[in-house]
Amino acid sequence: MKVGVLLAAGASKRMGRTKSLVKRRGLSFLALGVRHLWAACDTVVVVLGAGAARVQKSLEAEIEALVAAGRLHDDITSARRHGARALEVRFVVNRAWTRGMYGSARLGLKTALALDPEAILLLPVDHPDVRPATVMLLGAAMDAALGAYRGSRAERDRFAYAVVPRSMRRRGHPLVLTRGLADAIARDGTARDLSDAVRSHARLVGYLDVRDRGVVRNRNTPKD
């Protein structure tokens, strides 16, 4: 089982309004991120911060509307392909969201690890253009790596490995982390940021070149 972590705690100052609720193709960035991660994950942990109650309520209403309109058929079909019995969203609030994204990433990883996943996909909410097909490819790449790992279950659980998508030679999101690497990052309160934590703790990092510019396209301002 894989769990997704969607980082949506920031105040969105450059966007001028709550970024996670900005609409694209008729859906909020937040709903798009959840649906993209569902392509490979059973559960998505959404990390909220600024305006948490309002953002959660808005997403719940949006998903209810999608269900009522029968628009989650493809999501459910994809979920069945990767063995999920149901699709789920869980919320966690980072009370210290003003300290930056890394704290939200650590909280999201800690929450996801409690669900006992084989791997975790980590996506910032400002990447709404990532394709679900890319998420599936990343999940499959991690499955292949774990399948080829030779060692005991305990050793495999400690294996610190990441798969990073790359487009036009630029590294992007979502990252895919083994449970061992996710646990090391969740425990590390000294790293400068997520990239620093991955560099410090990953035993290996694999890069997956994709034809998806959404993995490197940040939507931080109204002009993006």
C-alpha atoms as a PDB file:
ATOM      1  CA  MET A   1       0.000   0.000   0.000  1.00  0.00           C
ATOM      2  CA  LYS A   2       1.126   3.536  -0.787  1.00  0.00           C
ATOM      3  CA  VAL A   3       0.008   6.694   0.974  1.00  0.00           C
ATOM      4  CA  GLY A   4       0.051  10.183  -0.505  1.00  0.00           C
ATOM      5  CA  VAL A   5       0.933  13.347   1.381  1.00  0.00           C
ATOM      6  CA  LEU A   6      -0.384  16.624  -0.050  1.00  0.00           C
ATOM      7  CA  LEU A   7       1.194  19.756   1.418  1.00  0.00           C
ATOM      8  CA  ALA A   8      -1.330  22.592   1.589  1.00  0.00           C
ATOM      9  CA  ALA A   9      -0.523  24.539   4.754  1.00  0.00           C
ATOM     10  CA  GLY A  10       0.889  27.824   3.444  1.00  0.00           C
ATOM     11  CA  ALA A  11      -0.720  31.274   3.456  1.00  0.00           C
ATOM     12  CA  SER A  12      -0.356  31.763  -0.338  1.00  0.00           C
ATOM     13  CA  LYS A  13       0.826  35.373  -0.098  1.00  0.00           C
ATOM     14  CA  ARG A  14       2.122  35.481  -3.678  1.00  0.00           C
ATOM     15  CA  MET A  15      -1.130  34.061  -5.030  1.00  0.00           C
ATOM     16  CA  GLY A  16      -3.113  36.737  -3.206  1.00  0.00           C
ATOM     17  CA  ARG A  17      -5.757  34.224  -2.084  1.00  0.00           C
ATOM     18  CA  THR A  18      -5.850  30.703  -0.698  1.00  0.00           C
ATOM     19  CA  LYS A  19      -3.784  28.807  -3.249  1.00  0.00           C
ATOM     20  CA  SER A  20      -5.199  25.390  -2.490  1.00  0.00           C
ATOM     21  CA  LEU A  21      -8.713  26.600  -3.398  1.00  0.00           C
ATOM     22  CA  VAL A  22      -7.757  28.251  -6.701  1.00  0.00           C
ATOM     23  CA  LYS A  23      -9.644  26.551  -9.539  1.00  0.00           C
ATOM     24  CA  ARG A  24      -8.076  24.960 -12.598  1.00  0.00           C
ATOM     25  CA  ARG A  25     -10.106  22.958 -15.112  1.00  0.00           C
ATOM     26  CA  GLY A  26     -13.105  23.375 -12.813  1.00  0.00           C
ATOM     27  CA  LEU A  27     -11.407  21.866  -9.745  1.00  0.00           C
ATOM     28  CA  SER A  28      -9.380  23.368  -6.919  1.00  0.00           C
ATOM     29  CA  PHE A  29      -5.641  22.771  -6.727  1.00  0.00           C
ATOM     30  CA  LEU A  30      -6.393  20.755  -3.601  1.00  0.00           C
ATOM     31  CA  ALA A  31      -8.942  18.452  -5.266  1.00  0.00           C
ATOM     32  CA  LEU A  32      -6.638  17.996  -8.256  1.00  0.00           C
ATOM     33  CA  GLY A  33      -3.742  17.039  -5.974  1.00  0.00           C
ATOM     34  CA  VAL A  34      -5.839  14.496  -4.087  1.00  0.00           C
ATOM     35  CA  ARG A  35      -7.129  12.928  -7.297  1.00  0.00           C
ATOM     36  CA  HIS A  36      -3.647  12.794  -8.826  1.00  0.00           C
ATOM     37  CA  LEU A  37      -2.238  11.007  -5.770  1.00  0.00           C
ATOM     38  CA  TRP A  38      -5.172   8.592  -5.746  1.00  0.00           C
ATOM     39  CA  ALA A  39      -3.787   7.273  -9.037  1.00  0.00           C
ATOM     40  CA  ALA A  40      -1.219   5.335  -6.975  1.00  0.00           C
ATOM     41  CA  CYS A  41      -2.328   5.726  -3.354  1.00  0.00           C
ATOM     42  CA  ASP A  42      -5.141   4.308  -1.240  1.00  0.00           C
ATOM     43  CA  THR A  43      -5.117   7.220   1.212  1.00  0.00           C
ATOM     44  CA  VAL A  44      -4.064  10.843   0.862  1.00  0.00           C
ATOM     45  CA  VAL A  45      -3.009  12.784   3.959  1.00  0.00           C
ATOM     46  CA  VAL A  46      -3.697  16.492   3.436  1.00  0.00           C
ATOM     47  CA  VAL A  47      -1.563  18.770   5.606  1.00  0.00           C
ATOM     48  CA  LEU A  48      -3.411  22.008   6.340  1.00  0.00           C
ATOM     49  CA  GLY A  49      -2.331  25.178   8.125  1.00  0.00           C
ATOM     50  CA  ALA A  50      -3.611  28.644   7.255  1.00  0.00           C
ATOM     51  CA  GLY A  51      -7.421  28.683   7.251  1.00  0.00           C
ATOM     52  CA  ALA A  52      -7.480  24.953   7.934  1.00  0.00           C
ATOM     53  CA  ALA A  53     -11.158  24.592   8.853  1.00  0.00           C
ATOM     54  CA  ARG A  54     -12.362  26.533   5.796  1.00  0.00           C
ATOM     55  CA  VAL A  55     -10.067  24.693   3.413  1.00  0.00           C
ATOM     56  CA  GLN A  56     -11.078  21.277   4.778  1.00  0.00           C
ATOM     57  CA  LYS A  57     -14.768  22.104   4.535  1.00  0.00           C
ATOM     58  CA  SER A  58     -14.349  23.313   0.958  1.00  0.00           C
ATOM     59  CA  LEU A  59     -12.531  20.145  -0.138  1.00  0.00           C
ATOM     60  CA  GLU A  60     -15.075  17.876   1.536  1.00  0.00           C
ATOM     61  CA  ALA A  61     -17.895  19.676  -0.290  1.00  0.00           C
ATOM     62  CA  GLU A  62     -16.006  19.448  -3.583  1.00  0.00           C
ATOM     63  CA  ILE A  63     -15.437  15.717  -3.254  1.00  0.00           C
ATOM     64  CA  GLU A  64     -19.060  15.142  -2.263  1.00  0.00           C
ATOM     65  CA  ALA A  65     -20.125  16.996  -5.418  1.00  0.00           C
ATOM     66  CA  LEU A  66     -17.802  14.853  -7.564  1.00  0.00           C
ATOM     67  CA  VAL A  67     -19.238  11.681  -6.049  1.00  0.00           C
ATOM     68  CA  ALA A  68     -22.815  12.866  -6.593  1.00  0.00           C
ATOM     69  CA  ALA A  69     -22.041  13.705 -10.224  1.00  0.00           C
ATOM     70  CA  GLY A  70     -20.390  10.329 -10.844  1.00  0.00           C
ATOM     71  CA  ARG A  71     -17.103  11.981 -11.751  1.00  0.00           C
ATOM     72  CA  LEU A  72     -14.845   9.723  -9.677  1.00  0.00           C
ATOM     73  CA  HIS A  73     -15.311   6.635 -11.841  1.00  0.00           C
ATOM     74  CA  ASP A  74     -11.792   6.882 -13.317  1.00  0.00           C
ATOM     75  CA  ASP A  75     -10.286   7.395  -9.866  1.00  0.00           C
ATOM     76  CA  ILE A  76     -12.017   4.277  -8.544  1.00  0.00           C
ATOM     77  CA  THR A  77     -10.971   2.241 -11.589  1.00  0.00           C
ATOM     78  CA  SER A  78      -7.355   3.316 -11.114  1.00  0.00           C
ATOM     79  CA  ALA A  79      -7.554   2.506  -7.399  1.00  0.00           C
ATOM     80  CA  ARG A  80      -8.685  -1.029  -8.137  1.00  0.00           C
ATOM     81  CA  ARG A  81      -5.694  -1.498 -10.438  1.00  0.00           C
ATOM     82  CA  HIS A  82      -3.280  -0.830  -7.583  1.00  0.00           C
ATOM     83  CA  GLY A  83      -5.275  -2.958  -5.153  1.00  0.00           C
ATOM     84  CA  ALA A  84      -7.080  -0.285  -3.139  1.00  0.00           C
ATOM     85  CA  ARG A  85     -10.384  -1.303  -1.610  1.00  0.00           C
ATOM     86  CA  ALA A  86     -11.439   2.317  -1.106  1.00  0.00           C
ATOM     87  CA  LEU A  87     -10.182   5.858  -1.590  1.00  0.00           C
ATOM     88  CA  GLU A  88      -9.673   8.019   1.474  1.00  0.00           C
ATOM     89  CA  VAL A  89      -8.618  11.509   2.514  1.00  0.00           C
ATOM     90  CA  ARG A  90      -7.293  12.282   5.985  1.00  0.00           C
ATOM     91  CA  PHE A  91      -6.555  15.735   7.333  1.00  0.00           C
ATOM     92  CA  VAL A  92      -3.865  16.879   9.731  1.00  0.00           C
ATOM     93  CA  VAL A  93      -3.193  20.469  10.791  1.00  0.00           C
ATOM     94  CA  ASN A  94       0.298  21.914  11.132  1.00  0.00           C
ATOM     95  CA  ARG A  95      -0.119  24.501  13.891  1.00  0.00           C
ATOM     96  CA  ALA A  96       3.400  25.770  13.178  1.00  0.00           C
ATOM     97  CA  TRP A  97       2.817  26.253   9.432  1.00  0.00           C
ATOM     98  CA  THR A  98       4.423  29.720   9.498  1.00  0.00           C
ATOM     99  CA  ARG A  99       7.811  28.061  10.015  1.00  0.00           C
ATOM    100  CA  GLY A 100       7.822  26.701   6.469  1.00  0.00           C
ATOM    101  CA  MET A 101       7.014  23.705   4.311  1.00  0.00           C
ATOM    102  CA  TYR A 102       9.537  21.334   5.858  1.00  0.00           C
ATOM    103  CA  GLY A 103       7.591  21.125   9.109  1.00  0.00           C
ATOM    104  CA  SER A 104       4.455  20.261   7.148  1.00  0.00           C
ATOM    105  CA  ALA A 105       6.353  17.592   5.236  1.00  0.00           C
ATOM    106  CA  ARG A 106       7.599  16.006   8.471  1.00  0.00           C
ATOM    107  CA  LEU A 107       4.104  16.037  10.001  1.00  0.00           C
ATOM    108  CA  GLY A 108       2.575  14.583   6.847  1.00  0.00           C
ATOM    109  CA  LEU A 109       5.163  11.813   6.688  1.00  0.00           C
ATOM    110  CA  LYS A 110       4.698  10.961  10.364  1.00  0.00           C
ATOM    111  CA  THR A 111       0.926  10.740   9.862  1.00  0.00           C
ATOM    112  CA  ALA A 112       1.322   8.627   6.731  1.00  0.00           C
ATOM    113  CA  LEU A 113       3.766   6.233   8.405  1.00  0.00           C
ATOM    114  CA  ALA A 114       1.144   5.399  11.031  1.00  0.00           C
ATOM    115  CA  LEU A 115      -0.831   3.746   8.202  1.00  0.00           C
ATOM    116  CA  ASP A 116       2.030   1.271   7.599  1.00  0.00           C
ATOM    117  CA  PRO A 117       2.652   1.991   3.886  1.00  0.00           C
ATOM    118  CA  GLU A 118       5.350   0.483   1.707  1.00  0.00           C
ATOM    119  CA  ALA A 119       6.039   3.897   0.208  1.00  0.00           C
ATOM    120  CA  ILE A 120       4.857   7.503   0.424  1.00  0.00           C
ATOM    121  CA  LEU A 121       4.295   9.994  -2.397  1.00  0.00           C
ATOM    122  CA  LEU A 122       4.846  13.611  -1.365  1.00  0.00           C
ATOM    123  CA  LEU A 123       3.315  16.426  -3.442  1.00  0.00           C
ATOM    124  CA  PRO A 124       3.048  20.196  -2.839  1.00  0.00           C
ATOM    125  CA  VAL A 125      -0.388  21.619  -3.641  1.00  0.00           C
ATOM    126  CA  ASP A 126       1.140  24.158  -6.047  1.00  0.00           C
ATOM    127  CA  HIS A 127       1.789  21.408  -8.629  1.00  0.00           C
ATOM    128  CA  PRO A 128      -1.765  20.904  -9.975  1.00  0.00           C
ATOM    129  CA  ASP A 129      -0.619  20.067 -13.508  1.00  0.00           C
ATOM    130  CA  VAL A 130       1.045  16.750 -12.645  1.00  0.00           C
ATOM    131  CA  ARG A 131      -0.568  13.990 -14.692  1.00  0.00           C
ATOM    132  CA  PRO A 132      -2.117  10.985 -12.953  1.00  0.00           C
ATOM    133  CA  ALA A 133      -0.258   8.788 -15.440  1.00  0.00           C
ATOM    134  CA  THR A 134       3.014  10.214 -14.145  1.00  0.00           C
ATOM    135  CA  VAL A 135       2.011   9.432 -10.574  1.00  0.00           C
ATOM    136  CA  MET A 136       1.284   5.846 -11.623  1.00  0.00           C
ATOM    137  CA  LEU A 137       4.692   5.600 -13.319  1.00  0.00           C
ATOM    138  CA  LEU A 138       6.421   6.840 -10.188  1.00  0.00           C
ATOM    139  CA  GLY A 139       4.543   4.337  -8.053  1.00  0.00           C
ATOM    140  CA  ALA A 140       5.485   1.549 -10.446  1.00  0.00           C
ATOM    141  CA  ALA A 141       9.133   2.619 -10.362  1.00  0.00           C
ATOM    142  CA  MET A 142       9.138   2.337  -6.585  1.00  0.00           C
ATOM    143  CA  ASP A 143       7.382  -1.053  -6.785  1.00  0.00           C
ATOM    144  CA  ALA A 144      10.136  -2.270  -9.118  1.00  0.00           C
ATOM    145  CA  ALA A 145      12.866  -1.025  -6.782  1.00  0.00           C
ATOM    146  CA  LEU A 146      11.317  -2.643  -3.726  1.00  0.00           C
ATOM    147  CA  GLY A 147      10.656  -5.843  -5.664  1.00  0.00           C
ATOM    148  CA  ALA A 148      14.325  -6.069  -6.614  1.00  0.00           C
ATOM    149  CA  TYR A 149      15.568  -5.412  -3.087  1.00  0.00           C
ATOM    150  CA  ARG A 150      17.240  -8.423  -1.554  1.00  0.00           C
ATOM    151  CA  GLY A 151      17.120  -8.417   2.202  1.00  0.00           C
ATOM    152  CA  SER A 152      14.966  -9.203   5.184  1.00  0.00           C
ATOM    153  CA  ARG A 153      11.664  -7.434   5.841  1.00  0.00           C
ATOM    154  CA  ALA A 154      13.316  -5.450   8.622  1.00  0.00           C
ATOM    155  CA  GLU A 155      16.152  -4.387   6.304  1.00  0.00           C
ATOM    156  CA  ARG A 156      13.677  -3.461   3.593  1.00  0.00           C
ATOM    157  CA  ASP A 157      11.708  -1.311   6.044  1.00  0.00           C
ATOM    158  CA  ARG A 158      14.912   0.618   6.825  1.00  0.00           C
ATOM    159  CA  PHE A 159      15.954   0.966   3.168  1.00  0.00           C
ATOM    160  CA  ALA A 160      16.284   4.710   2.463  1.00  0.00           C
ATOM    161  CA  TYR A 161      15.467   5.215  -1.207  1.00  0.00           C
ATOM    162  CA  ALA A 162      13.724   7.961  -3.203  1.00  0.00           C
ATOM    163  CA  VAL A 163      12.373   8.175  -6.727  1.00  0.00           C
ATOM    164  CA  VAL A 164      12.352  11.705  -8.149  1.00  0.00           C
ATOM    165  CA  PRO A 165      10.637  12.725 -11.407  1.00  0.00           C
ATOM    166  CA  ARG A 166      12.655  14.784 -13.840  1.00  0.00           C
ATOM    167  CA  SER A 167      11.492  16.877 -16.798  1.00  0.00           C
ATOM    168  CA  MET A 168      13.813  18.788 -19.124  1.00  0.00           C
ATOM    169  CA  ARG A 169      16.659  17.862 -16.748  1.00  0.00           C
ATOM    170  CA  ARG A 170      14.877  19.563 -13.842  1.00  0.00           C
ATOM    171  CA  ARG A 171      13.902  17.659 -10.717  1.00  0.00           C
ATOM    172  CA  GLY A 172      10.277  17.901  -9.663  1.00  0.00           C
ATOM    173  CA  HIS A 173       7.388  16.461  -7.668  1.00  0.00           C
ATOM    174  CA  PRO A 174       5.925  14.234  -6.376  1.00  0.00           C
ATOM    175  CA  LEU A 175       8.771  12.502  -4.595  1.00  0.00           C
ATOM    176  CA  VAL A 176       8.354   8.830  -3.773  1.00  0.00           C
ATOM    177  CA  LEU A 177       9.976   7.720  -0.529  1.00  0.00           C
ATOM    178  CA  THR A 178      10.450   4.313   1.031  1.00  0.00           C
ATOM    179  CA  ARG A 179       9.142   4.015   4.565  1.00  0.00           C
ATOM    180  CA  GLY A 180      12.729   3.951   5.832  1.00  0.00           C
ATOM    181  CA  LEU A 181      13.590   7.267   4.210  1.00  0.00           C
ATOM    182  CA  ALA A 182      10.254   8.812   5.192  1.00  0.00           C
ATOM    183  CA  ASP A 183      10.851   7.826   8.813  1.00  0.00           C
ATOM    184  CA  ALA A 184      14.355   9.328   8.811  1.00  0.00           C
ATOM    185  CA  ILE A 185      13.034  12.617   7.414  1.00  0.00           C
ATOM    186  CA  ALA A 186      10.098  12.703   9.836  1.00  0.00           C
ATOM    187  CA  ARG A 187      12.567  12.412  12.721  1.00  0.00           C
ATOM    188  CA  ASP A 188      15.012  15.030  11.411  1.00  0.00           C
ATOM    189  CA  GLY A 189      14.285  18.429  12.895  1.00  0.00           C
ATOM    190  CA  THR A 190      17.663  19.906  11.934  1.00  0.00           C
ATOM    191  CA  ALA A 191      17.568  19.806   8.118  1.00  0.00           C
ATOM    192  CA  ARG A 192      17.193  23.151   6.334  1.00  0.00           C
ATOM    193  CA  ASP A 193      14.456  21.881   4.042  1.00  0.00           C
ATOM    194  CA  LEU A 194      13.104  18.746   2.388  1.00  0.00           C
ATOM    195  CA  SER A 195      15.837  18.600  -0.251  1.00  0.00           C
ATOM    196  CA  ASP A 196      18.493  18.818   2.449  1.00  0.00           C
ATOM    197  CA  ALA A 197      16.798  16.015   4.401  1.00  0.00           C
ATOM    198  CA  VAL A 198      16.625  13.743   1.341  1.00  0.00           C
ATOM    199  CA  ARG A 199      20.317  14.348   0.592  1.00  0.00           C
ATOM    200  CA  SER A 200      21.239  13.615   4.202  1.00  0.00           C
ATOM    201  CA  HIS A 201      19.293  10.386   4.619  1.00  0.00           C
ATOM    202  CA  ALA A 202      18.785   8.735   1.220  1.00  0.00           C
ATOM    203  CA  ARG A 203      21.019   5.771   0.576  1.00  0.00           C
ATOM    204  CA  LEU A 204      20.045   5.895  -3.100  1.00  0.00           C
ATOM    205  CA  VAL A 205      18.071   8.307  -5.276  1.00  0.00           C
ATOM    206  CA  GLY A 206      16.613   7.224  -8.594  1.00  0.00           C
ATOM    207  CA  TYR A 207      15.476   9.673 -11.276  1.00  0.00           C
ATOM    208  CA  LEU A 208      12.573   8.999 -13.593  1.00  0.00           C
ATOM    209  CA  ASP A 209      12.585  11.105 -16.759  1.00  0.00           C
ATOM    210  CA  VAL A 210       9.021  11.924 -17.787  1.00  0.00           C
ATOM    211  CA  ARG A 211       7.317  13.910 -20.540  1.00  0.00           C
ATOM    212  CA  ASP A 212       5.281  15.835 -18.031  1.00  0.00           C
ATOM    213  CA  ARG A 213       6.196  19.446 -17.389  1.00  0.00           C
ATOM    214  CA  GLY A 214       3.645  19.490 -14.592  1.00  0.00           C
ATOM    215  CA  VAL A 215       6.223  17.906 -12.286  1.00  0.00           C
ATOM    216  CA  VAL A 216       8.311  21.098 -12.409  1.00  0.00           C
ATOM    217  CA  ARG A 217       5.552  23.687 -12.886  1.00  0.00           C
ATOM    218  CA  ASN A 218       4.890  25.654  -9.687  1.00  0.00           C
ATOM    219  CA  ARG A 219       1.684  27.707  -9.588  1.00  0.00           C
ATOM    220  CA  ASN A 220       2.603  30.351  -7.020  1.00  0.00           C
ATOM    221  CA  THR A 221       1.164  33.555  -8.504  1.00  0.00           C
ATOM    222  CA  PRO A 222      -1.932  34.426 -10.575  1.00  0.00           C
ATOM    223  CA  LYS A 223       0.305  34.678 -13.651  1.00  0.00           C
ATOM    224  CA  ASP A 224       1.793  31.176 -13.301  1.00  0.00           C
END
